[in-house]
């Protein structure tokens, strides 16, 4: 999988990672806020946590694309 990415592609991936990390942090803050209010909307919180995990997985995949294959 020695796919060489252009500088534009690398920058697009970095930008997307940044956006996803912001969304992840915002979800974390929203979950904390809901829990602090005591409004335990369990289904909503579960969905938010699931989305956070999806974001984390996507971020990890994108970050892996930024690391060049050493064993080519």
Protein backbone atom coordinates (compact mmCIF):
# COMPACT_ATOMS: atom_id res chain seq x y z
CA UNK A 1 0.00 0.00 0.00
CA UNK A 2 2.74 2.44 -0.92
CA UNK A 3 0.38 5.12 -2.14
CA UNK A 4 2.17 8.44 -2.60
CA UNK A 5 -0.03 11.38 -1.73
CA UNK A 6 0.38 14.85 -3.16
CA UNK A 7 0.87 17.81 -0.86
CA UNK A 8 -2.71 18.91 -1.59
CA UNK A 9 -4.02 15.48 -0.60
CA UNK A 10 -1.95 15.51 2.59
CA UNK A 11 -3.26 18.96 3.47
CA UNK A 12 -6.85 17.85 2.80
CA UNK A 13 -6.37 14.86 5.12
CA UNK A 14 -4.84 17.07 7.83
CA UNK A 15 -7.76 19.50 7.52
CA UNK A 16 -10.29 16.66 7.76
CA UNK A 17 -8.52 15.26 10.83
CA UNK A 18 -8.69 18.69 12.46
CA UNK A 19 -12.42 18.97 11.71
CA UNK A 20 -13.13 15.48 13.05
CA UNK A 21 -11.17 16.18 16.23
CA UNK A 22 -13.22 19.34 16.77
CA UNK A 23 -16.44 17.38 16.33
CA UNK A 24 -15.14 14.70 18.71
CA UNK A 25 -14.30 17.31 21.35
CA UNK A 26 -17.65 19.03 20.90
CA UNK A 27 -19.47 15.73 21.38
CA UNK A 28 -17.42 15.07 24.50
CA UNK A 29 -18.38 18.48 25.88
CA UNK A 30 -22.05 17.94 25.00
CA UNK A 31 -22.10 14.55 26.70
CA UNK A 32 -20.48 16.00 29.82
CA UNK A 33 -23.01 18.83 29.79
CA UNK A 34 -25.98 16.45 29.53
CA UNK A 35 -24.63 14.31 32.36
CA UNK A 36 -23.93 17.38 34.53
CA UNK A 37 -27.49 18.64 34.01
CA UNK A 38 -28.82 15.33 35.17
CA UNK A 39 -30.94 14.99 32.07
CA UNK A 40 -30.06 11.40 31.43
CA UNK A 41 -31.32 10.93 27.95
CA UNK A 42 -29.62 7.56 27.76
CA UNK A 43 -30.44 6.86 24.13
CA UNK A 44 -29.17 10.27 23.03
CA UNK A 45 -25.98 9.88 25.09
CA UNK A 46 -25.41 6.37 23.70
CA UNK A 47 -25.78 7.66 20.15
CA UNK A 48 -23.36 10.49 20.87
CA UNK A 49 -20.83 8.07 22.35
CA UNK A 50 -21.19 5.78 19.34
CA UNK A 51 -20.56 8.75 17.03
CA UNK A 52 -17.47 9.63 19.09
CA UNK A 53 -16.12 6.11 18.56
CA UNK A 54 -16.79 6.35 14.83
CA UNK A 55 -14.95 9.66 14.72
CA UNK A 56 -12.01 8.19 16.64
CA UNK A 57 -11.77 5.28 14.18
CA UNK A 58 -11.95 7.61 11.19
CA UNK A 59 -9.29 9.89 12.68
CA UNK A 60 -7.00 6.90 13.26
CA UNK A 61 -7.45 5.70 9.66
CA UNK A 62 -6.70 9.15 8.28
CA UNK A 63 -3.65 9.57 10.53
CA UNK A 64 -2.38 6.20 9.29
CA UNK A 65 -2.57 7.53 5.73
CA UNK A 66 -0.21 10.34 6.70
CA UNK A 67 2.47 7.89 7.86
CA UNK A 68 4.53 6.61 4.92
CA UNK A 69 5.02 2.88 4.52
CA UNK A 70 8.56 2.10 5.63
CA UNK A 71 8.50 -1.56 4.66
CA UNK A 72 7.75 -1.14 0.98
